[in-house]
Amino acid sequence: MLPILHQVAGSTLVVTGLIVLPLPLPFGLIMLVIGFALLAPYIPAVQRLIRVMRRKWPKVDAILLRYRHRFPPVIKRTIDKTHPAE
């Protein structure tokens, strides 16, 4: 039940984030990040996208690795799965 809830919430946040993205406040970007974080454990295409982004922006990768211990287990596994070296 929880994976289905994650996928529905993640999809909703991604679609809403794309709609809100042109606004001057960064709410759309925040929604996209949270939505992709919810979708990544279940959708390989999102994992590949995150892996590419982590390769492109090493600072983001360093921040994810630095704060990995603070995230819930599902996000920790996603951080491990999307490591750019793999």
N, C-alpha and C. Protein backbone atom coordinates (compact mmCIF):
# COMPACT_ATOMS: atom_id res chain seq x y z
N MET A 1 0.82 -1.20 0.00
CA MET A 1 0.00 0.00 0.00
C MET A 1 0.86 1.26 0.00
N LEU A 2 1.96 1.25 0.77
CA LEU A 2 2.81 2.43 0.85
C LEU A 2 3.49 2.75 -0.48
N PRO A 3 3.99 1.76 -1.24
CA PRO A 3 4.57 2.10 -2.55
C PRO A 3 3.57 2.77 -3.50
N ILE A 4 2.33 2.32 -3.45
CA ILE A 4 1.32 2.94 -4.31
C ILE A 4 1.08 4.38 -3.89
N LEU A 5 1.02 4.61 -2.58
CA LEU A 5 0.84 5.97 -2.06
C LEU A 5 2.02 6.85 -2.45
N HIS A 6 3.25 6.32 -2.36
CA HIS A 6 4.44 7.08 -2.77
C HIS A 6 4.37 7.45 -4.24
N GLN A 7 3.96 6.51 -5.08
CA GLN A 7 3.90 6.76 -6.52
C GLN A 7 2.83 7.78 -6.87
N VAL A 8 1.69 7.69 -6.24
CA VAL A 8 0.61 8.65 -6.51
C VAL A 8 1.01 10.04 -6.03
N ALA A 9 1.53 10.13 -4.81
CA ALA A 9 1.95 11.42 -4.27
C ALA A 9 3.11 12.00 -5.08
N GLY A 10 4.08 11.15 -5.45
CA GLY A 10 5.22 11.61 -6.23
C GLY A 10 4.80 12.12 -7.60
N SER A 11 3.92 11.39 -8.26
CA SER A 11 3.43 11.81 -9.58
C SER A 11 2.67 13.13 -9.49
N THR A 12 1.85 13.25 -8.46
CA THR A 12 1.09 14.49 -8.27
C THR A 12 2.03 15.66 -8.03
N LEU A 13 3.06 15.46 -7.20
CA LEU A 13 4.00 16.54 -6.93
C LEU A 13 4.81 16.92 -8.17
N VAL A 14 5.19 15.95 -8.98
CA VAL A 14 5.95 16.25 -10.20
C VAL A 14 5.08 17.05 -11.17
N VAL A 15 3.87 16.62 -11.39
CA VAL A 15 2.98 17.34 -12.32
C VAL A 15 2.68 18.74 -11.80
N THR A 16 2.36 18.86 -10.53
CA THR A 16 2.08 20.17 -9.94
C THR A 16 3.33 21.05 -9.97
N GLY A 17 4.49 20.45 -9.69
CA GLY A 17 5.74 21.20 -9.73
C GLY A 17 6.04 21.74 -11.12
N LEU A 18 5.76 20.95 -12.15
CA LEU A 18 5.97 21.42 -13.52
C LEU A 18 5.04 22.57 -13.87
N ILE A 19 3.82 22.53 -13.35
CA ILE A 19 2.86 23.61 -13.61
C ILE A 19 3.27 24.88 -12.88
N VAL A 20 3.76 24.75 -11.66
CA VAL A 20 4.10 25.90 -10.81
C VAL A 20 5.52 26.41 -11.07
N LEU A 21 6.33 25.66 -11.80
CA LEU A 21 7.74 26.00 -12.02
C LEU A 21 7.96 27.41 -12.58
N PRO A 22 7.15 27.92 -13.50
CA PRO A 22 7.43 29.26 -14.04
C PRO A 22 7.19 30.41 -13.06
N LEU A 23 6.55 30.16 -11.94
CA LEU A 23 6.28 31.24 -10.99
C LEU A 23 7.60 31.73 -10.37
N PRO A 24 7.62 32.97 -9.89
CA PRO A 24 8.87 33.53 -9.36
C PRO A 24 9.37 32.84 -8.08
N LEU A 25 8.50 32.29 -7.29
CA LEU A 25 8.94 31.59 -6.08
C LEU A 25 9.35 30.16 -6.43
N PRO A 26 10.31 29.57 -5.72
CA PRO A 26 10.84 28.25 -6.10
C PRO A 26 10.00 27.06 -5.65
N PHE A 27 8.70 27.24 -5.43
CA PHE A 27 7.87 26.14 -4.97
C PHE A 27 7.84 24.99 -5.97
N GLY A 28 7.84 25.32 -7.26
CA GLY A 28 7.81 24.28 -8.28
C GLY A 28 9.04 23.39 -8.22
N LEU A 29 10.20 23.98 -8.01
CA LEU A 29 11.44 23.22 -7.91
C LEU A 29 11.43 22.32 -6.68
N ILE A 30 10.94 22.84 -5.58
CA ILE A 30 10.85 22.05 -4.34
C ILE A 30 9.89 20.87 -4.54
N MET A 31 8.78 21.12 -5.19
CA MET A 31 7.81 20.04 -5.46
C MET A 31 8.42 18.98 -6.36
N LEU A 32 9.17 19.39 -7.38
CA LEU A 32 9.81 18.43 -8.27
C LEU A 32 10.82 17.56 -7.53
N VAL A 33 11.62 18.16 -6.68
CA VAL A 33 12.62 17.39 -5.93
C VAL A 33 11.96 16.36 -5.03
N ILE A 34 10.94 16.77 -4.30
CA ILE A 34 10.23 15.84 -3.41
C ILE A 34 9.52 14.76 -4.22
N GLY A 35 8.90 15.14 -5.32
CA GLY A 35 8.21 14.16 -6.16
C GLY A 35 9.17 13.12 -6.73
N PHE A 36 10.32 13.57 -7.24
CA PHE A 36 11.31 12.63 -7.77
C PHE A 36 11.87 11.74 -6.66
N ALA A 37 12.04 12.30 -5.47
CA ALA A 37 12.53 11.49 -4.35
C ALA A 37 11.53 10.38 -4.00
N LEU A 38 10.24 10.67 -4.11
CA LEU A 38 9.23 9.65 -3.83
C LEU A 38 9.14 8.61 -4.94
N LEU A 39 9.38 9.03 -6.19
CA LEU A 39 9.26 8.11 -7.33
C LEU A 39 10.51 7.28 -7.57
N ALA A 40 11.66 7.77 -7.19
CA ALA A 40 12.94 7.12 -7.53
C ALA A 40 13.07 5.68 -7.07
N PRO A 41 12.60 5.29 -5.89
CA PRO A 41 12.78 3.89 -5.50
C PRO A 41 12.02 2.90 -6.38
N TYR A 42 11.04 3.36 -7.13
CA TYR A 42 10.16 2.46 -7.85
C TYR A 42 10.27 2.54 -9.37
N ILE A 43 10.85 3.62 -9.90
CA ILE A 43 10.88 3.82 -11.34
C ILE A 43 12.33 3.97 -11.81
N PRO A 44 12.83 3.00 -12.58
CA PRO A 44 14.24 3.03 -13.03
C PRO A 44 14.58 4.27 -13.87
N ALA A 45 13.65 4.80 -14.64
CA ALA A 45 13.94 5.99 -15.44
C ALA A 45 14.24 7.19 -14.56
N VAL A 46 13.54 7.31 -13.45
CA VAL A 46 13.80 8.40 -12.51
C VAL A 46 15.16 8.19 -11.84
N GLN A 47 15.51 6.94 -11.56
CA GLN A 47 16.83 6.65 -10.98
C GLN A 47 17.93 7.07 -11.94
N ARG A 48 17.76 6.79 -13.23
CA ARG A 48 18.76 7.21 -14.22
C ARG A 48 18.87 8.72 -14.29
N LEU A 49 17.73 9.41 -14.24
CA LEU A 49 17.73 10.87 -14.26
C LEU A 49 18.48 11.43 -13.05
N ILE A 50 18.24 10.88 -11.89
CA ILE A 50 18.92 11.35 -10.68
C ILE A 50 20.41 11.05 -10.77
N ARG A 51 20.77 9.90 -11.31
CA ARG A 51 22.19 9.56 -11.47
C ARG A 51 22.89 10.57 -12.38
N VAL A 52 22.24 10.94 -13.48
CA VAL A 52 22.80 11.93 -14.41
C VAL A 52 22.95 13.29 -13.72
N MET A 53 21.94 13.69 -12.97
CA MET A 53 22.00 14.97 -12.26
C MET A 53 23.11 14.97 -11.22
N ARG A 54 23.31 13.86 -10.53
CA ARG A 54 24.37 13.78 -9.53
C ARG A 54 25.75 13.82 -10.19
N ARG A 55 25.88 13.26 -11.41
CA ARG A 55 27.14 13.36 -12.14
C ARG A 55 27.40 14.79 -12.59
N LYS A 56 26.34 15.45 -13.03
CA LYS A 56 26.46 16.81 -13.57
C LYS A 56 26.77 17.82 -12.47
N TRP A 57 26.19 17.63 -11.29
CA TRP A 57 26.37 18.56 -10.18
C TRP A 57 26.99 17.84 -8.98
N PRO A 58 28.32 17.79 -8.91
CA PRO A 58 28.99 17.08 -7.82
C PRO A 58 28.68 17.64 -6.43
N LYS A 59 28.37 18.93 -6.35
CA LYS A 59 28.03 19.51 -5.04
C LYS A 59 26.74 18.91 -4.49
N VAL A 60 25.78 18.68 -5.37
CA VAL A 60 24.52 18.05 -4.95
C VAL A 60 24.80 16.63 -4.46
N ASP A 61 25.66 15.93 -5.19
CA ASP A 61 26.04 14.57 -4.78
C ASP A 61 26.70 14.59 -3.41
N ALA A 62 27.60 15.53 -3.19
CA ALA A 62 28.30 15.62 -1.90
C ALA A 62 27.32 15.92 -0.76
N ILE A 63 26.35 16.77 -1.01
CA ILE A 63 25.35 17.10 0.02
C ILE A 63 24.50 15.87 0.34
N LEU A 64 24.08 15.14 -0.70
CA LEU A 64 23.28 13.92 -0.47
C LEU A 64 24.06 12.91 0.37
N LEU A 65 25.34 12.74 0.05
CA LEU A 65 26.15 11.78 0.80
C LEU A 65 26.40 12.26 2.23
N ARG A 66 26.58 13.56 2.40
CA ARG A 66 26.84 14.09 3.73
C ARG A 66 25.65 13.92 4.67
N TYR A 67 24.43 14.12 4.13
CA TYR A 67 23.23 14.06 4.98
C TYR A 67 22.45 12.76 4.83
N ARG A 68 23.04 11.76 4.21
CA ARG A 68 22.38 10.48 3.97
C ARG A 68 21.86 9.86 5.26
N HIS A 69 22.62 9.96 6.33
CA HIS A 69 22.25 9.32 7.60
C HIS A 69 20.99 9.92 8.22
N ARG A 70 20.55 11.07 7.77
CA ARG A 70 19.37 11.72 8.34
C ARG A 70 18.07 11.35 7.63
N PHE A 71 18.18 10.70 6.47
CA PHE A 71 17.00 10.38 5.67
C PHE A 71 16.36 9.07 6.11
N PRO A 72 15.08 8.87 5.76
CA PRO A 72 14.43 7.58 6.04
C PRO A 72 15.07 6.48 5.18
N PRO A 73 14.88 5.21 5.57
CA PRO A 73 15.53 4.10 4.85
C PRO A 73 15.25 4.07 3.35
N VAL A 74 14.05 4.40 2.92
CA VAL A 74 13.73 4.33 1.49
C VAL A 74 14.57 5.35 0.72
N ILE A 75 14.81 6.51 1.27
CA ILE A 75 15.63 7.53 0.60
C ILE A 75 17.10 7.14 0.66
N LYS A 76 17.53 6.52 1.76
CA LYS A 76 18.92 6.04 1.85
C LYS A 76 19.21 5.03 0.74
N ARG A 77 18.29 4.09 0.54
CA ARG A 77 18.48 3.10 -0.53
C ARG A 77 18.52 3.77 -1.90
N THR A 78 17.70 4.79 -2.08
CA THR A 78 17.68 5.51 -3.36
C THR A 78 19.00 6.24 -3.57
N ILE A 79 19.53 6.85 -2.53
CA ILE A 79 20.82 7.53 -2.64
C ILE A 79 21.90 6.53 -3.03
N ASP A 80 21.84 5.35 -2.44
CA ASP A 80 22.83 4.31 -2.78
C ASP A 80 22.65 3.81 -4.21
N LYS A 81 21.40 3.62 -4.65
CA LYS A 81 21.12 3.12 -5.99
C LYS A 81 21.52 4.11 -7.08
N THR A 82 21.42 5.40 -6.77
CA THR A 82 21.67 6.42 -7.79
C THR A 82 23.06 7.03 -7.68
N HIS A 83 23.98 6.34 -7.03
CA HIS A 83 25.34 6.87 -6.92
C HIS A 83 25.93 6.98 -8.32
N PRO A 84 26.55 8.11 -8.64
CA PRO A 84 27.04 8.33 -10.00
C PRO A 84 28.14 7.36 -10.46
N ALA A 85 28.85 6.74 -9.56
CA ALA A 85 29.93 5.83 -9.93
C ALA A 85 29.41 4.50 -10.48
N GLU A 86 28.15 4.19 -10.24
CA GLU A 86 27.59 2.90 -10.68
C GLU A 86 27.25 2.91 -12.14
